[in-house]
N, C-alpha and C. Protein backbone atom coordinates (compact mmCIF):
# COMPACT_ATOMS: atom_id res chain seq x y z
N UNK A 1 26.21 16.14 2.12
CA UNK A 1 27.14 15.15 1.65
C UNK A 1 28.02 14.70 2.80
N UNK A 2 28.35 13.42 2.77
CA UNK A 2 29.28 12.92 3.77
C UNK A 2 30.40 12.19 3.06
N UNK A 3 31.54 12.18 3.67
CA UNK A 3 32.71 11.53 3.08
C UNK A 3 33.01 10.26 3.84
N UNK A 4 33.38 9.23 3.10
CA UNK A 4 33.86 8.01 3.73
C UNK A 4 35.15 7.60 3.06
N UNK A 5 35.90 6.73 3.69
CA UNK A 5 37.16 6.25 3.13
C UNK A 5 38.32 6.55 4.04
N UNK A 6 39.53 6.38 3.54
CA UNK A 6 40.72 6.68 4.33
C UNK A 6 41.44 7.86 3.72
N UNK A 7 42.59 8.18 4.27
CA UNK A 7 43.34 9.35 3.79
C UNK A 7 43.81 9.20 2.36
N UNK A 8 44.06 7.97 1.91
CA UNK A 8 44.56 7.77 0.56
C UNK A 8 43.47 7.91 -0.50
N UNK A 9 42.26 7.58 -0.13
CA UNK A 9 41.17 7.63 -1.12
C UNK A 9 39.91 8.13 -0.42
N UNK A 10 39.36 9.20 -0.90
CA UNK A 10 38.11 9.74 -0.36
C UNK A 10 37.00 9.54 -1.37
N UNK A 11 35.88 9.03 -0.91
CA UNK A 11 34.71 8.89 -1.76
C UNK A 11 33.62 9.80 -1.20
N UNK A 12 32.91 10.45 -2.07
CA UNK A 12 31.82 11.31 -1.64
C UNK A 12 30.51 10.62 -1.99
N UNK A 13 29.68 10.45 -0.99
CA UNK A 13 28.37 9.83 -1.20
C UNK A 13 27.29 10.86 -0.94
N UNK A 14 26.31 10.91 -1.80
CA UNK A 14 25.19 11.79 -1.53
C UNK A 14 24.27 11.06 -0.56
N UNK A 15 23.59 11.81 0.31
CA UNK A 15 22.67 11.14 1.23
C UNK A 15 21.56 10.45 0.45
N UNK A 16 21.12 9.31 0.96
CA UNK A 16 20.05 8.58 0.29
C UNK A 16 18.75 9.37 0.41
N UNK A 17 18.05 9.44 -0.68
CA UNK A 17 16.77 10.14 -0.68
C UNK A 17 15.67 9.15 -0.31
N UNK A 18 14.74 9.60 0.47
CA UNK A 18 13.58 8.77 0.79
C UNK A 18 12.75 8.61 -0.48
N UNK A 19 12.40 7.38 -0.80
CA UNK A 19 11.57 7.09 -1.97
C UNK A 19 10.11 7.10 -1.55
N UNK A 20 9.31 7.94 -2.17
CA UNK A 20 7.89 8.02 -1.86
C UNK A 20 7.12 7.39 -3.02
N UNK A 21 6.33 6.36 -2.70
CA UNK A 21 5.59 5.62 -3.71
C UNK A 21 4.10 5.93 -3.61
N UNK A 22 3.48 6.34 -4.71
CA UNK A 22 2.05 6.64 -4.68
C UNK A 22 1.21 5.35 -4.65
N UNK A 23 0.22 5.37 -3.81
CA UNK A 23 -0.65 4.22 -3.58
C UNK A 23 -2.08 4.60 -3.93
N UNK A 24 -2.81 3.67 -4.52
CA UNK A 24 -4.25 3.83 -4.67
C UNK A 24 -4.88 2.62 -3.97
N UNK A 25 -5.80 2.92 -3.05
CA UNK A 25 -6.48 1.87 -2.29
C UNK A 25 -7.86 1.69 -2.91
N UNK A 26 -8.11 0.47 -3.41
CA UNK A 26 -9.39 0.13 -4.02
C UNK A 26 -10.21 -0.65 -3.00
N UNK A 27 -11.27 -0.04 -2.50
CA UNK A 27 -12.16 -0.70 -1.54
C UNK A 27 -13.28 -1.36 -2.32
N UNK A 28 -13.31 -2.68 -2.27
CA UNK A 28 -14.34 -3.45 -2.95
C UNK A 28 -15.37 -3.81 -1.89
N UNK A 29 -16.61 -3.38 -2.08
CA UNK A 29 -17.62 -3.54 -1.03
C UNK A 29 -18.94 -4.04 -1.61
N UNK A 30 -19.80 -4.51 -0.70
CA UNK A 30 -21.12 -5.00 -1.13
C UNK A 30 -22.24 -4.09 -0.65
N UNK A 31 -21.93 -2.87 -0.34
CA UNK A 31 -22.92 -1.90 0.11
C UNK A 31 -22.40 -1.12 1.29
N UNK A 32 -23.23 -0.27 1.88
CA UNK A 32 -22.79 0.60 2.97
C UNK A 32 -22.14 -0.13 4.14
N UNK A 33 -22.55 -1.36 4.40
CA UNK A 33 -21.99 -2.12 5.51
C UNK A 33 -20.50 -2.38 5.33
N UNK A 34 -20.06 -2.52 4.10
CA UNK A 34 -18.68 -2.89 3.83
C UNK A 34 -17.73 -1.73 3.59
N UNK A 35 -18.18 -0.51 3.76
CA UNK A 35 -17.33 0.63 3.46
C UNK A 35 -16.36 0.96 4.60
N UNK A 36 -15.13 1.22 4.24
CA UNK A 36 -14.15 1.75 5.19
C UNK A 36 -14.13 3.26 5.03
N UNK A 37 -13.87 3.94 6.12
CA UNK A 37 -13.77 5.40 6.04
C UNK A 37 -12.41 5.80 5.49
N UNK A 38 -12.33 7.00 4.95
CA UNK A 38 -11.05 7.54 4.51
C UNK A 38 -10.07 7.58 5.68
N UNK A 39 -10.56 7.92 6.86
CA UNK A 39 -9.70 8.00 8.05
C UNK A 39 -9.02 6.66 8.34
N UNK A 40 -9.74 5.56 8.19
CA UNK A 40 -9.15 4.23 8.43
C UNK A 40 -8.08 3.91 7.39
N UNK A 41 -8.32 4.30 6.15
CA UNK A 41 -7.34 4.07 5.09
C UNK A 41 -6.09 4.91 5.36
N UNK A 42 -6.27 6.16 5.72
CA UNK A 42 -5.14 7.04 6.02
C UNK A 42 -4.33 6.49 7.20
N UNK A 43 -5.03 6.00 8.22
CA UNK A 43 -4.36 5.39 9.37
C UNK A 43 -3.56 4.15 8.94
N UNK A 44 -4.11 3.34 8.07
CA UNK A 44 -3.42 2.14 7.59
C UNK A 44 -2.15 2.51 6.82
N UNK A 45 -2.20 3.56 6.01
CA UNK A 45 -1.01 4.02 5.29
C UNK A 45 0.04 4.51 6.28
N UNK A 46 -0.40 5.17 7.35
CA UNK A 46 0.55 5.62 8.39
C UNK A 46 1.21 4.42 9.06
N UNK A 47 0.43 3.38 9.37
CA UNK A 47 1.00 2.16 9.96
C UNK A 47 2.02 1.53 9.00
N UNK A 48 1.70 1.51 7.73
CA UNK A 48 2.62 0.98 6.73
C UNK A 48 3.93 1.77 6.73
N UNK A 49 3.81 3.10 6.76
CA UNK A 49 5.00 3.95 6.80
C UNK A 49 5.79 3.75 8.09
N UNK A 50 5.10 3.59 9.21
CA UNK A 50 5.79 3.33 10.48
C UNK A 50 6.59 2.03 10.39
N UNK A 51 5.99 1.00 9.81
CA UNK A 51 6.69 -0.27 9.66
C UNK A 51 7.93 -0.14 8.79
N UNK A 52 7.82 0.55 7.68
CA UNK A 52 8.95 0.70 6.77
C UNK A 52 10.00 1.66 7.29
N UNK A 53 9.63 2.53 8.24
CA UNK A 53 10.61 3.47 8.79
C UNK A 53 11.12 3.05 10.17
N UNK A 54 10.64 1.88 10.66
CA UNK A 54 11.04 1.39 11.98
C UNK A 54 10.73 2.44 13.05
N UNK A 55 9.49 2.91 13.04
CA UNK A 55 9.10 3.94 13.99
C UNK A 55 7.72 3.63 14.57
N UNK A 56 7.32 4.42 15.55
CA UNK A 56 6.01 4.22 16.17
C UNK A 56 5.90 2.85 16.81
N UNK A 57 4.75 2.23 16.68
CA UNK A 57 4.53 0.89 17.24
C UNK A 57 5.39 -0.18 16.59
N UNK A 58 6.02 0.14 15.49
CA UNK A 58 6.80 -0.84 14.75
C UNK A 58 8.31 -0.65 14.94
N UNK A 59 8.69 0.13 15.92
CA UNK A 59 10.10 0.38 16.18
C UNK A 59 10.70 -0.76 17.00
N UNK A 60 11.74 -1.38 16.45
CA UNK A 60 12.47 -2.41 17.19
C UNK A 60 13.96 -2.11 17.09
N UNK A 61 14.71 -2.53 18.09
CA UNK A 61 16.14 -2.17 18.13
C UNK A 61 16.92 -2.73 16.94
N UNK A 62 16.55 -3.89 16.44
CA UNK A 62 17.26 -4.46 15.30
C UNK A 62 16.78 -3.91 13.96
N UNK A 63 15.73 -3.14 13.97
CA UNK A 63 15.13 -2.66 12.73
C UNK A 63 15.90 -1.51 12.11
N UNK A 64 15.59 -1.25 10.85
CA UNK A 64 16.20 -0.13 10.14
C UNK A 64 15.11 0.64 9.41
N UNK A 65 15.43 1.84 9.07
CA UNK A 65 14.56 2.66 8.22
C UNK A 65 14.88 2.31 6.78
N UNK A 66 13.90 1.78 6.05
CA UNK A 66 14.12 1.40 4.66
C UNK A 66 14.21 2.60 3.73
N UNK A 67 13.82 3.76 4.22
CA UNK A 67 13.76 5.00 3.45
C UNK A 67 12.79 4.87 2.28
N UNK A 68 11.75 4.07 2.50
CA UNK A 68 10.65 3.94 1.55
C UNK A 68 9.39 4.41 2.27
N UNK A 69 8.62 5.28 1.64
CA UNK A 69 7.38 5.76 2.22
C UNK A 69 6.27 5.60 1.19
N UNK A 70 5.06 5.56 1.67
CA UNK A 70 3.89 5.41 0.83
C UNK A 70 2.97 6.59 1.07
N UNK A 71 2.38 7.10 0.01
CA UNK A 71 1.40 8.18 0.16
C UNK A 71 0.23 7.88 -0.77
N UNK A 72 -0.95 8.29 -0.35
CA UNK A 72 -2.10 8.15 -1.22
C UNK A 72 -1.90 9.05 -2.44
N UNK A 73 -2.19 8.51 -3.60
CA UNK A 73 -2.01 9.26 -4.84
C UNK A 73 -2.79 10.57 -4.78
N UNK A 74 -2.19 11.60 -5.31
CA UNK A 74 -2.84 12.93 -5.36
C UNK A 74 -3.42 13.22 -6.74
N UNK A 75 -2.93 12.49 -7.76
CA UNK A 75 -3.41 12.67 -9.13
C UNK A 75 -3.69 11.31 -9.74
N UNK A 76 -4.73 11.25 -10.56
CA UNK A 76 -4.98 10.01 -11.29
C UNK A 76 -4.13 10.03 -12.57
N UNK A 77 -4.26 9.01 -13.38
CA UNK A 77 -3.44 8.89 -14.59
C UNK A 77 -3.69 10.02 -15.59
N UNK A 78 -4.84 10.68 -15.49
CA UNK A 78 -5.16 11.79 -16.40
C UNK A 78 -4.78 13.15 -15.83
N UNK A 79 -4.13 13.13 -14.65
CA UNK A 79 -3.73 14.40 -14.03
C UNK A 79 -4.80 15.05 -13.18
N UNK A 80 -5.94 14.39 -13.03
CA UNK A 80 -7.02 14.93 -12.22
C UNK A 80 -6.75 14.68 -10.73
N UNK A 81 -7.22 15.58 -9.86
CA UNK A 81 -7.03 15.37 -8.43
C UNK A 81 -7.76 14.13 -7.95
N UNK A 82 -7.19 13.42 -6.98
CA UNK A 82 -7.80 12.23 -6.41
C UNK A 82 -7.44 12.15 -4.93
N UNK A 83 -8.23 11.40 -4.20
CA UNK A 83 -7.90 11.12 -2.80
C UNK A 83 -6.98 9.91 -2.70
N UNK A 84 -6.86 9.15 -3.80
CA UNK A 84 -6.09 7.92 -3.77
C UNK A 84 -6.90 6.76 -3.23
N UNK A 85 -8.20 6.96 -3.05
CA UNK A 85 -9.09 5.92 -2.53
C UNK A 85 -10.25 5.77 -3.51
N UNK A 86 -10.48 4.55 -3.97
CA UNK A 86 -11.62 4.29 -4.84
C UNK A 86 -12.55 3.32 -4.12
N UNK A 87 -13.81 3.35 -4.49
CA UNK A 87 -14.80 2.43 -3.93
C UNK A 87 -15.61 1.83 -5.08
N UNK A 88 -15.66 0.50 -5.10
CA UNK A 88 -16.38 -0.20 -6.15
C UNK A 88 -17.30 -1.21 -5.50
N UNK A 89 -18.59 -1.14 -5.83
CA UNK A 89 -19.54 -2.12 -5.32
C UNK A 89 -19.49 -3.36 -6.21
N UNK A 90 -19.34 -4.53 -5.57
CA UNK A 90 -19.20 -5.78 -6.31
C UNK A 90 -19.51 -6.96 -5.39
N UNK A 91 -19.76 -8.09 -6.00
CA UNK A 91 -19.93 -9.33 -5.24
C UNK A 91 -18.59 -9.97 -4.91
N UNK A 92 -17.50 -9.42 -5.39
CA UNK A 92 -16.17 -9.99 -5.17
C UNK A 92 -15.56 -9.56 -3.83
N UNK A 93 -16.37 -9.50 -2.80
CA UNK A 93 -15.85 -9.10 -1.49
C UNK A 93 -15.29 -10.27 -0.71
N UNK A 94 -15.73 -11.48 -1.02
CA UNK A 94 -15.16 -12.70 -0.46
C UNK A 94 -14.51 -13.42 -1.64
N UNK A 95 -13.23 -13.27 -1.74
CA UNK A 95 -12.49 -13.62 -2.95
C UNK A 95 -11.80 -14.96 -2.83
N UNK A 96 -11.87 -15.76 -3.89
CA UNK A 96 -11.08 -16.98 -4.00
C UNK A 96 -9.88 -16.60 -4.88
N UNK A 97 -8.69 -16.62 -4.28
CA UNK A 97 -7.50 -16.08 -4.93
C UNK A 97 -7.22 -16.70 -6.29
N UNK A 98 -7.29 -18.01 -6.37
CA UNK A 98 -6.90 -18.68 -7.62
C UNK A 98 -7.87 -18.45 -8.77
N UNK A 99 -9.13 -18.21 -8.48
CA UNK A 99 -10.12 -18.11 -9.56
C UNK A 99 -10.70 -16.71 -9.76
N UNK A 100 -10.53 -15.80 -8.79
CA UNK A 100 -11.18 -14.50 -8.92
C UNK A 100 -10.23 -13.31 -8.90
N UNK A 101 -8.95 -13.54 -8.83
CA UNK A 101 -7.98 -12.45 -8.79
C UNK A 101 -8.08 -11.56 -10.02
N UNK A 102 -8.11 -12.16 -11.19
CA UNK A 102 -8.18 -11.38 -12.43
C UNK A 102 -9.49 -10.60 -12.51
N UNK A 103 -10.59 -11.22 -12.11
CA UNK A 103 -11.88 -10.52 -12.13
C UNK A 103 -11.86 -9.31 -11.20
N UNK A 104 -11.22 -9.46 -10.05
CA UNK A 104 -11.11 -8.34 -9.12
C UNK A 104 -10.34 -7.19 -9.76
N UNK A 105 -9.22 -7.50 -10.34
CA UNK A 105 -8.39 -6.46 -10.95
C UNK A 105 -9.03 -5.87 -12.19
N UNK A 106 -9.91 -6.62 -12.85
CA UNK A 106 -10.64 -6.07 -13.99
C UNK A 106 -11.70 -5.06 -13.55
N UNK A 107 -12.12 -5.09 -12.28
CA UNK A 107 -13.07 -4.10 -11.77
C UNK A 107 -12.45 -2.71 -11.82
N UNK A 108 -11.23 -2.61 -11.34
CA UNK A 108 -10.52 -1.34 -11.31
C UNK A 108 -9.05 -1.62 -11.12
N UNK A 109 -8.25 -0.94 -11.90
CA UNK A 109 -6.81 -1.17 -11.84
C UNK A 109 -6.12 0.06 -12.42
N UNK A 110 -5.26 0.67 -11.64
CA UNK A 110 -4.49 1.80 -12.14
C UNK A 110 -3.13 1.30 -12.60
N UNK A 111 -2.51 2.03 -13.49
CA UNK A 111 -1.23 1.64 -14.08
C UNK A 111 -0.21 1.26 -13.00
N UNK A 112 0.20 -0.02 -12.97
CA UNK A 112 1.13 -0.46 -11.93
C UNK A 112 2.54 0.11 -12.08
N UNK A 113 2.83 0.73 -13.21
CA UNK A 113 4.12 1.39 -13.37
C UNK A 113 4.12 2.77 -12.72
N UNK A 114 2.93 3.26 -12.38
CA UNK A 114 2.80 4.58 -11.77
C UNK A 114 2.25 4.54 -10.34
N UNK A 115 1.54 3.48 -10.00
CA UNK A 115 0.86 3.39 -8.70
C UNK A 115 1.01 1.99 -8.11
N UNK A 116 0.98 1.92 -6.80
CA UNK A 116 0.82 0.64 -6.12
C UNK A 116 -0.67 0.47 -5.87
N UNK A 117 -1.25 -0.57 -6.42
CA UNK A 117 -2.67 -0.86 -6.26
C UNK A 117 -2.85 -1.75 -5.04
N UNK A 118 -3.63 -1.30 -4.07
CA UNK A 118 -3.97 -2.10 -2.90
C UNK A 118 -5.47 -2.35 -2.95
N UNK A 119 -5.85 -3.62 -2.86
CA UNK A 119 -7.26 -4.00 -2.90
C UNK A 119 -7.71 -4.40 -1.50
N UNK A 120 -8.84 -3.85 -1.07
CA UNK A 120 -9.40 -4.19 0.24
C UNK A 120 -10.71 -4.92 0.00
N UNK A 121 -10.76 -6.16 0.46
CA UNK A 121 -11.96 -6.98 0.36
C UNK A 121 -12.27 -7.51 1.75
N UNK A 122 -13.42 -8.14 1.90
CA UNK A 122 -13.81 -8.70 3.18
C UNK A 122 -12.93 -9.88 3.58
N UNK A 123 -12.72 -10.81 2.64
CA UNK A 123 -11.91 -11.99 2.94
C UNK A 123 -11.32 -12.57 1.67
N UNK A 124 -10.10 -13.09 1.77
CA UNK A 124 -9.47 -13.80 0.67
C UNK A 124 -9.26 -15.23 1.13
N UNK A 125 -9.75 -16.16 0.33
CA UNK A 125 -9.51 -17.57 0.61
C UNK A 125 -8.73 -18.16 -0.54
N UNK A 126 -8.15 -19.32 -0.28
CA UNK A 126 -7.37 -20.01 -1.29
C UNK A 126 -7.80 -21.46 -1.32
N UNK A 127 -7.94 -21.99 -2.51
CA UNK A 127 -8.29 -23.41 -2.62
C UNK A 127 -7.12 -24.28 -2.15
N UNK A 128 -5.93 -23.72 -2.13
CA UNK A 128 -4.74 -24.45 -1.70
C UNK A 128 -4.43 -24.19 -0.23
N UNK A 129 -4.44 -22.92 0.19
CA UNK A 129 -4.00 -22.54 1.53
C UNK A 129 -5.13 -22.38 2.54
N UNK A 130 -6.37 -22.34 2.09
CA UNK A 130 -7.48 -22.18 3.00
C UNK A 130 -7.89 -20.73 3.20
N UNK A 131 -8.57 -20.47 4.32
CA UNK A 131 -9.12 -19.15 4.61
C UNK A 131 -8.06 -18.17 5.05
N UNK A 132 -8.33 -16.90 4.73
CA UNK A 132 -7.49 -15.81 5.22
C UNK A 132 -8.12 -15.24 6.48
N UNK A 133 -7.69 -14.06 6.83
CA UNK A 133 -8.24 -13.41 8.01
C UNK A 133 -9.33 -12.45 7.58
N UNK A 134 -10.46 -12.54 8.22
CA UNK A 134 -11.55 -11.60 7.93
C UNK A 134 -11.20 -10.24 8.50
N UNK A 135 -11.56 -9.19 7.76
CA UNK A 135 -11.37 -7.83 8.25
C UNK A 135 -12.25 -7.62 9.47
N UNK A 136 -11.71 -7.02 10.49
CA UNK A 136 -12.43 -6.81 11.74
C UNK A 136 -12.85 -5.34 11.87
N UNK A 137 -13.71 -4.87 11.00
CA UNK A 137 -14.16 -3.47 11.12
C UNK A 137 -15.60 -3.37 11.44
């Protein structure tokens, strides 16, 4: 605990707790060629945490630690152990955002009140904004 204020009024603040949010990464692929390794997913989550904590390659002098961290889910909605990584074979690897977003999420979707769902596809395009960036793996 730390105290702030002046001599006339003291306020006690509890230290902020780091918020850890469980993530499930859904890899949508069209066969062995499109698969990402668990190691690449784990590395990406570390990069995400570095960015949110203003550390590692993402450390800048003006930055702050948001005190938000992400971890791959350890349990599914039924309490069963999980790696937090799912793989689904589908033709939705090159996605048109406006017309195929719902179809993608209908493939697999964990409760958004309990997990952050991250979808990995080859490319996302938009009929309005154009092409996205292709994954370089």
